[in-house]
């Protein structure tokens, strides 16, 4: 998978924060099965929040989960302190998404942890998800299409930058469930005494995410084909799953400034499609989105890309429920 170039404005995670995380994890270097830890729990290190959520749900009481990305931080731009890089090698299990956080990719290569789950595989990443004829597929079918599209991209180099996969899979609950199965398998290999519990927890997580998926499908059915204008292109998998059309003011990078030409294009889309709400997010400035909305005389609302937990947020499911309310209120639905 192609790794992104370093960002222009990188988030530097301080050594003090890393030390705090180490204390929370038990101040030890866990061995296989976490037996070196004081309470015997498996030490799991997640690279950002949605993967932390999965690890907590699947591991339950038998795991201690730490997150490399600080709360309320923008994960795209993460840089790691040396202590955090050491954590990658010390953890019993590392759960990450290759190609999403360059510093984490480099830490994985440097420390070579024994047990790793790369969410990119089970999630079935795609280059440009947006309802392009894949509605209703399973995660495995999504993955097969992603491989086909990537192969095509090797031979067709155009302005769409083939090979740059969209990382925001977790906004489709069914894809996140597939990652849970992989985490259960790896935890079972580390800690076979609790394998049945890990598998049962993964099945419970899948059932819950399937229920959430059904809630979204029912609530958004009247909105089929609606145009979803967002501050950056984080919602392609959600749009694909529920038959919406995403238009991002910026691209996949939330820090990228849209060009004047792009702003004119979005303005035309808003006017032609009868869009009434522009959606901005929680971890980056809403200034560009708010200014465009004011110029067009339309409303704004928050749509959380769930790359990290914003202040006051509960958990993955709670944020997804809030997002659903925002979508049903802000989209042009029949």
Protein backbone atom coordinates (compact mmCIF):
# COMPACT_ATOMS: atom_id res chain seq x y z
CA UNK A 1 0.00 0.00 0.00
CA UNK A 2 1.29 3.48 -0.87
CA UNK A 3 2.19 5.50 2.18
CA UNK A 4 1.21 9.17 2.34
CA UNK A 5 3.87 11.84 2.39
CA UNK A 6 4.44 13.60 5.73
CA UNK A 7 1.85 16.29 6.42
CA UNK A 8 2.61 19.98 6.46
CA UNK A 9 1.43 20.49 9.98
CA UNK A 10 2.31 17.52 12.13
CA UNK A 11 0.95 16.80 15.55
CA UNK A 12 3.81 16.09 17.93
CA UNK A 13 2.82 13.75 20.75
CA UNK A 14 4.86 14.77 23.78
CA UNK A 15 7.08 12.44 25.76
CA UNK A 16 5.14 13.37 28.88
CA UNK A 17 1.94 12.12 27.32
CA UNK A 18 3.67 8.93 26.24
CA UNK A 19 4.94 8.42 29.79
CA UNK A 20 1.41 8.85 31.12
CA UNK A 21 0.18 6.21 28.70
CA UNK A 22 2.89 3.82 29.86
CA UNK A 23 1.86 4.30 33.48
CA UNK A 24 -1.75 3.58 32.58
CA UNK A 25 -0.67 0.41 30.80
CA UNK A 26 1.08 -0.91 33.88
CA UNK A 27 4.66 0.45 33.56
CA UNK A 28 5.96 -2.87 32.23
CA UNK A 29 6.93 -4.50 28.98
CA UNK A 30 4.32 -7.25 28.55
CA UNK A 31 5.28 -10.61 27.18
CA UNK A 32 3.16 -13.08 25.25
CA UNK A 33 -0.28 -13.24 26.76
CA UNK A 34 0.43 -10.22 28.97
CA UNK A 35 1.76 -12.43 31.77
CA UNK A 36 4.42 -9.83 32.69
CA UNK A 37 1.73 -7.29 33.47
CA UNK A 38 0.64 -6.99 37.09
CA UNK A 39 -2.96 -8.03 36.40
CA UNK A 40 -2.18 -10.49 33.59
CA UNK A 41 -4.15 -8.63 30.93
CA UNK A 42 -3.07 -8.61 27.29
CA UNK A 43 -1.55 -5.25 26.38
CA UNK A 44 -3.10 -3.88 23.17
CA UNK A 45 -1.93 -0.74 21.41
CA UNK A 46 -4.32 0.92 18.93
CA UNK A 47 -3.16 3.63 16.56
CA UNK A 48 -6.35 5.74 16.69
CA UNK A 49 -9.83 5.73 18.23
CA UNK A 50 -12.05 3.45 16.07
CA UNK A 51 -9.45 0.69 16.40
CA UNK A 52 -9.25 1.29 20.14
CA UNK A 53 -13.03 0.85 20.31
CA UNK A 54 -12.88 -2.47 18.45
CA UNK A 55 -10.06 -3.79 20.64
CA UNK A 56 -11.93 -2.84 23.82
CA UNK A 57 -15.17 -4.43 22.65
CA UNK A 58 -13.52 -7.68 21.54
CA UNK A 59 -10.96 -7.98 24.34
CA UNK A 60 -13.28 -7.06 27.18
CA UNK A 61 -11.89 -7.53 30.66
CA UNK A 62 -8.90 -9.52 29.44
CA UNK A 63 -7.14 -6.62 27.68
CA UNK A 64 -5.66 -3.24 28.53
CA UNK A 65 -5.98 -0.95 25.49
CA UNK A 66 -3.85 2.14 24.94
CA UNK A 67 -4.15 4.65 22.08
CA UNK A 68 -1.18 6.20 20.29
CA UNK A 69 -3.27 9.22 19.22
CA UNK A 70 -4.11 11.63 22.08
CA UNK A 71 -7.80 12.40 22.76
CA UNK A 72 -9.30 15.12 20.55
CA UNK A 73 -6.19 15.11 18.32
CA UNK A 74 -6.27 14.90 14.52
CA UNK A 75 -4.75 11.46 13.75
CA UNK A 76 -3.64 12.10 10.15
CA UNK A 77 -0.76 14.24 11.42
CA UNK A 78 0.44 12.10 14.30
CA UNK A 79 4.14 12.00 15.13
CA UNK A 80 5.47 9.65 17.78
CA UNK A 81 7.83 10.33 20.64
CA UNK A 82 10.62 7.74 21.14
CA UNK A 83 8.78 6.28 24.14
CA UNK A 84 5.71 5.66 21.99
CA UNK A 85 7.80 3.92 19.34
CA UNK A 86 9.13 1.64 22.09
CA UNK A 87 5.54 0.90 23.13
CA UNK A 88 4.89 -0.51 19.67
CA UNK A 89 7.53 -3.15 20.25
CA UNK A 90 6.50 -3.84 23.84
CA UNK A 91 2.77 -4.35 23.23
CA UNK A 92 1.31 -7.84 22.98
CA UNK A 93 -0.86 -6.72 20.04
CA UNK A 94 -0.77 -3.64 17.82
CA UNK A 95 -3.90 -2.70 15.85
CA UNK A 96 -3.31 -0.09 13.16
CA UNK A 97 -4.25 1.00 9.64
CA UNK A 98 -1.37 0.94 7.19
CA UNK A 99 -1.04 4.02 4.99
CA UNK A 100 -3.04 6.25 7.33
CA UNK A 101 -0.44 7.43 9.85
CA UNK A 102 3.09 7.54 8.46
CA UNK A 103 4.71 7.64 11.90
CA UNK A 104 2.90 4.47 12.95
CA UNK A 105 3.88 2.67 9.75
CA UNK A 106 7.49 3.58 10.42
CA UNK A 107 7.24 2.48 14.06
CA UNK A 108 5.84 -0.90 12.99
CA UNK A 109 8.77 -1.38 10.60
CA UNK A 110 11.30 -0.30 13.19
CA UNK A 111 10.01 -2.34 16.15
CA UNK A 112 8.51 -5.32 14.27
CA UNK A 113 5.93 -6.35 16.91
CA UNK A 114 5.13 -10.05 17.14
CA UNK A 115 1.36 -9.69 16.80
CA UNK A 116 -0.22 -7.10 14.50
CA UNK A 117 -3.66 -6.52 12.99
CA UNK A 118 -3.61 -4.23 9.95
CA UNK A 119 -7.20 -3.08 9.49
CA UNK A 120 -6.58 -2.28 5.81
CA UNK A 121 -7.06 -5.94 4.85
CA UNK A 122 -10.39 -6.85 6.48
CA UNK A 123 -11.81 -3.35 5.88
CA UNK A 124 -11.52 -3.70 2.09
CA UNK A 125 -10.25 -0.19 1.38
CA UNK A 126 -11.13 1.51 -1.90
CA UNK A 127 -9.73 4.47 -3.80
CA UNK A 128 -12.90 6.50 -4.28
CA UNK A 129 -15.88 5.03 -2.39
CA UNK A 130 -19.09 6.89 -3.08
CA UNK A 131 -21.98 4.59 -3.98
CA UNK A 132 -20.40 3.51 -7.26
CA UNK A 133 -22.42 0.35 -7.73
CA UNK A 134 -21.23 -1.59 -4.66
CA UNK A 135 -24.23 -1.10 -2.37
CA UNK A 136 -25.18 -4.06 -0.20
CA UNK A 137 -21.93 -5.98 -0.63
CA UNK A 138 -20.19 -7.81 2.16
CA UNK A 139 -16.80 -6.66 3.45
CA UNK A 140 -15.17 -9.54 1.53
CA UNK A 141 -16.84 -8.45 -1.72
CA UNK A 142 -15.74 -4.86 -1.04
CA UNK A 143 -12.17 -6.12 -0.60
CA UNK A 144 -12.30 -8.00 -3.89
CA UNK A 145 -13.50 -4.90 -5.73
CA UNK A 146 -10.82 -2.81 -4.03
CA UNK A 147 -8.12 -5.19 -5.32
CA UNK A 148 -9.56 -4.98 -8.85
CA UNK A 149 -9.66 -1.18 -8.72
CA UNK A 150 -6.11 -1.01 -7.37
CA UNK A 151 -4.87 -3.27 -10.18
CA UNK A 152 -6.58 -1.04 -12.74
CA UNK A 153 -4.96 1.97 -11.09
CA UNK A 154 -1.49 0.51 -11.67
CA UNK A 155 -2.05 0.91 -15.41
CA UNK A 156 -4.06 4.12 -15.44
CA UNK A 157 -2.35 7.13 -13.88
CA UNK A 158 -4.58 10.17 -13.99
CA UNK A 159 -5.55 13.18 -11.88
CA UNK A 160 -7.39 10.97 -9.39
CA UNK A 161 -4.11 9.55 -8.01
CA UNK A 162 -4.85 5.84 -8.34
CA UNK A 163 -3.44 3.80 -5.49
CA UNK A 164 -4.24 6.35 -2.75
CA UNK A 165 -6.85 4.41 -0.79
CA UNK A 166 -9.46 6.18 1.30
CA UNK A 167 -8.78 5.20 4.95
CA UNK A 168 -12.12 6.20 6.51
CA UNK A 169 -13.71 2.73 6.43
CA UNK A 170 -15.04 2.84 10.01
CA UNK A 171 -17.93 5.10 8.99
CA UNK A 172 -19.44 1.99 7.39
CA UNK A 173 -20.28 -0.16 10.45
CA UNK A 174 -20.09 -3.41 8.50
CA UNK A 175 -16.45 -2.81 7.62
CA UNK A 176 -15.56 -2.13 11.24
CA UNK A 177 -17.15 -5.45 12.21
CA UNK A 178 -14.79 -7.26 9.86
CA UNK A 179 -11.83 -5.78 11.74
CA UNK A 180 -13.29 -7.12 14.99
CA UNK A 181 -13.06 -10.67 13.66
CA UNK A 182 -9.36 -10.21 12.88
CA UNK A 183 -8.70 -8.80 16.36
CA UNK A 184 -10.45 -11.80 17.93
CA UNK A 185 -8.30 -14.20 15.93
CA UNK A 186 -5.06 -12.49 16.95
CA UNK A 187 -6.04 -12.20 20.62
CA UNK A 188 -6.89 -15.89 20.61
CA UNK A 189 -3.41 -16.69 19.31
CA UNK A 190 -1.84 -14.59 22.09
CA UNK A 191 -4.16 -15.75 24.86
CA UNK A 192 -5.78 -19.08 23.90
CA UNK A 193 -7.27 -19.58 27.37
CA UNK A 194 -9.83 -16.87 26.59
CA UNK A 195 -10.31 -17.57 22.88
CA UNK A 196 -13.98 -18.46 23.25
CA UNK A 197 -14.69 -15.16 24.99
CA UNK A 198 -12.88 -13.18 22.30
CA UNK A 199 -14.88 -14.91 19.59
CA UNK A 200 -18.16 -14.34 21.47
CA UNK A 201 -17.29 -10.68 21.99
CA UNK A 202 -16.53 -10.27 18.29
CA UNK A 203 -19.88 -11.83 17.43
CA UNK A 204 -21.62 -9.44 19.85
CA UNK A 205 -19.82 -6.49 18.28
CA UNK A 206 -20.86 -7.63 14.81
CA UNK A 207 -24.48 -7.97 15.92
CA UNK A 208 -24.44 -4.47 17.40
CA UNK A 209 -22.84 -2.96 14.31
CA UNK A 210 -25.30 -4.81 12.08
CA UNK A 211 -28.13 -3.27 14.13
CA UNK A 212 -26.56 0.16 13.70
CA UNK A 213 -26.26 -0.48 9.97
CA UNK A 214 -29.97 -1.36 9.84
CA UNK A 215 -30.85 1.87 11.70
CA UNK A 216 -28.90 3.89 9.15
CA UNK A 217 -30.39 2.05 6.18
CA UNK A 218 -33.95 2.60 7.40
CA UNK A 219 -33.50 6.24 8.38
CA UNK A 220 -31.62 7.22 5.22
CA UNK A 221 -33.78 5.30 2.74
CA UNK A 222 -35.86 8.42 1.99
CA UNK A 223 -32.59 10.30 1.31
CA UNK A 224 -31.36 7.93 -1.42
CA UNK A 225 -29.33 9.83 -3.99
CA UNK A 226 -29.03 12.96 -1.83
CA UNK A 227 -25.88 15.08 -2.08
CA UNK A 228 -23.78 15.15 1.09
CA UNK A 229 -21.45 18.17 1.15
CA UNK A 230 -18.73 17.78 3.77
CA UNK A 231 -15.69 19.79 4.83
CA UNK A 232 -13.40 16.98 3.71
CA UNK A 233 -13.86 13.64 1.99
CA UNK A 234 -14.14 11.40 5.05
CA UNK A 235 -17.62 10.02 4.35
CA UNK A 236 -17.22 8.11 1.10
CA UNK A 237 -17.79 4.67 2.66
CA UNK A 238 -20.86 5.95 4.48
CA UNK A 239 -22.15 7.49 1.26
CA UNK A 240 -21.50 4.27 -0.63
CA UNK A 241 -23.26 2.14 1.95
CA UNK A 242 -26.41 4.27 2.16
CA UNK A 243 -26.75 5.49 -1.43
CA UNK A 244 -25.65 9.09 -0.91
CA UNK A 245 -23.30 11.20 -3.03
CA UNK A 246 -20.41 12.79 -1.16
CA UNK A 247 -18.96 16.11 -2.27
CA UNK A 248 -15.94 17.21 -0.24
CA UNK A 249 -14.93 20.85 -0.01
CA UNK A 250 -11.41 19.54 0.60
CA UNK A 251 -10.00 16.14 -0.29
CA UNK A 252 -9.07 13.26 2.01
CA UNK A 253 -6.57 15.46 3.88
CA UNK A 254 -8.64 17.60 6.30
CA UNK A 255 -5.87 20.22 6.54
CA UNK A 256 -5.71 20.87 2.79
CA UNK A 257 -7.01 24.26 1.69
CA UNK A 258 -9.52 24.06 -1.18
CA UNK A 259 -8.61 26.02 -4.30
CA UNK A 260 -10.84 28.83 -5.60
CA UNK A 261 -11.77 26.56 -8.51
CA UNK A 262 -12.86 23.83 -6.10
CA UNK A 263 -14.96 26.28 -4.12
CA UNK A 264 -16.70 27.35 -7.35
CA UNK A 265 -17.40 23.70 -8.18
CA UNK A 266 -18.90 23.05 -4.74
CA UNK A 267 -20.98 26.23 -5.00
CA UNK A 268 -22.46 24.99 -8.27
CA UNK A 269 -23.22 21.57 -6.79
CA UNK A 270 -24.98 23.12 -3.79
CA UNK A 271 -27.12 25.34 -6.01
CA UNK A 272 -27.90 22.68 -8.63
CA UNK A 273 -28.71 19.89 -6.12
CA UNK A 274 -30.75 22.06 -3.76
CA UNK A 275 -28.41 21.33 -0.84
CA UNK A 276 -29.60 23.02 2.36
CA UNK A 277 -26.84 22.04 4.80
CA UNK A 278 -23.04 21.92 4.64
CA UNK A 279 -21.44 19.58 7.16
CA UNK A 280 -18.25 20.44 9.04
CA UNK A 281 -16.41 18.29 11.55
CA UNK A 282 -15.13 18.32 15.09
CA UNK A 283 -11.32 18.16 15.02
CA UNK A 284 -10.51 20.81 12.39
CA UNK A 285 -11.54 24.43 11.88
CA UNK A 286 -15.02 24.97 10.35
CA UNK A 287 -14.04 28.39 8.96
CA UNK A 288 -14.00 27.51 5.24
CA UNK A 289 -17.25 25.53 5.42
CA UNK A 290 -19.01 28.19 7.47
CA UNK A 291 -17.89 30.98 5.14
CA UNK A 292 -19.12 29.09 2.07
CA UNK A 293 -22.45 28.31 3.76
CA UNK A 294 -22.91 31.97 4.69
CA UNK A 295 -22.18 33.05 1.11
CA UNK A 296 -24.72 30.56 -0.22
CA UNK A 297 -27.36 31.22 2.41
CA UNK A 298 -27.53 27.60 3.59
CA UNK A 299 -27.17 26.04 7.03
CA UNK A 300 -24.35 24.10 8.66
CA UNK A 301 -24.24 21.09 10.97
CA UNK A 302 -21.61 18.93 12.63
CA UNK A 303 -20.82 15.51 11.14
CA UNK A 304 -18.13 13.72 13.12
CA UNK A 305 -15.66 11.63 11.06
CA UNK A 306 -14.79 9.72 14.24
CA UNK A 307 -11.06 9.84 13.65
CA UNK A 308 -10.79 10.60 17.36
CA UNK A 309 -13.21 11.23 20.20
CA UNK A 310 -14.07 14.92 20.45
CA UNK A 311 -14.53 16.50 23.86
CA UNK A 312 -17.82 15.38 25.39
CA UNK A 313 -18.30 12.45 23.01
CA UNK A 314 -19.29 9.07 24.43
CA UNK A 315 -18.09 6.24 22.19
CA UNK A 316 -18.23 5.04 18.59
CA UNK A 317 -21.88 4.06 18.67
CA UNK A 318 -22.96 7.24 20.43
CA UNK A 319 -21.22 9.42 17.85
CA UNK A 320 -22.66 7.40 14.98
CA UNK A 321 -26.15 7.89 16.43
CA UNK A 322 -25.54 11.64 16.60
CA UNK A 323 -24.29 11.60 13.02
CA UNK A 324 -27.45 9.85 11.89
CA UNK A 325 -29.58 12.54 13.51
CA UNK A 326 -27.53 15.23 11.78
CA UNK A 327 -27.86 13.50 8.42
CA UNK A 328 -31.61 13.00 8.57
CA UNK A 329 -32.08 16.61 9.64
CA UNK A 330 -29.68 18.18 7.16
CA UNK A 331 -30.01 16.18 3.95
CA UNK A 332 -32.58 16.87 1.28
CA UNK A 333 -34.75 13.78 1.76
CA UNK A 334 -38.09 12.91 0.20
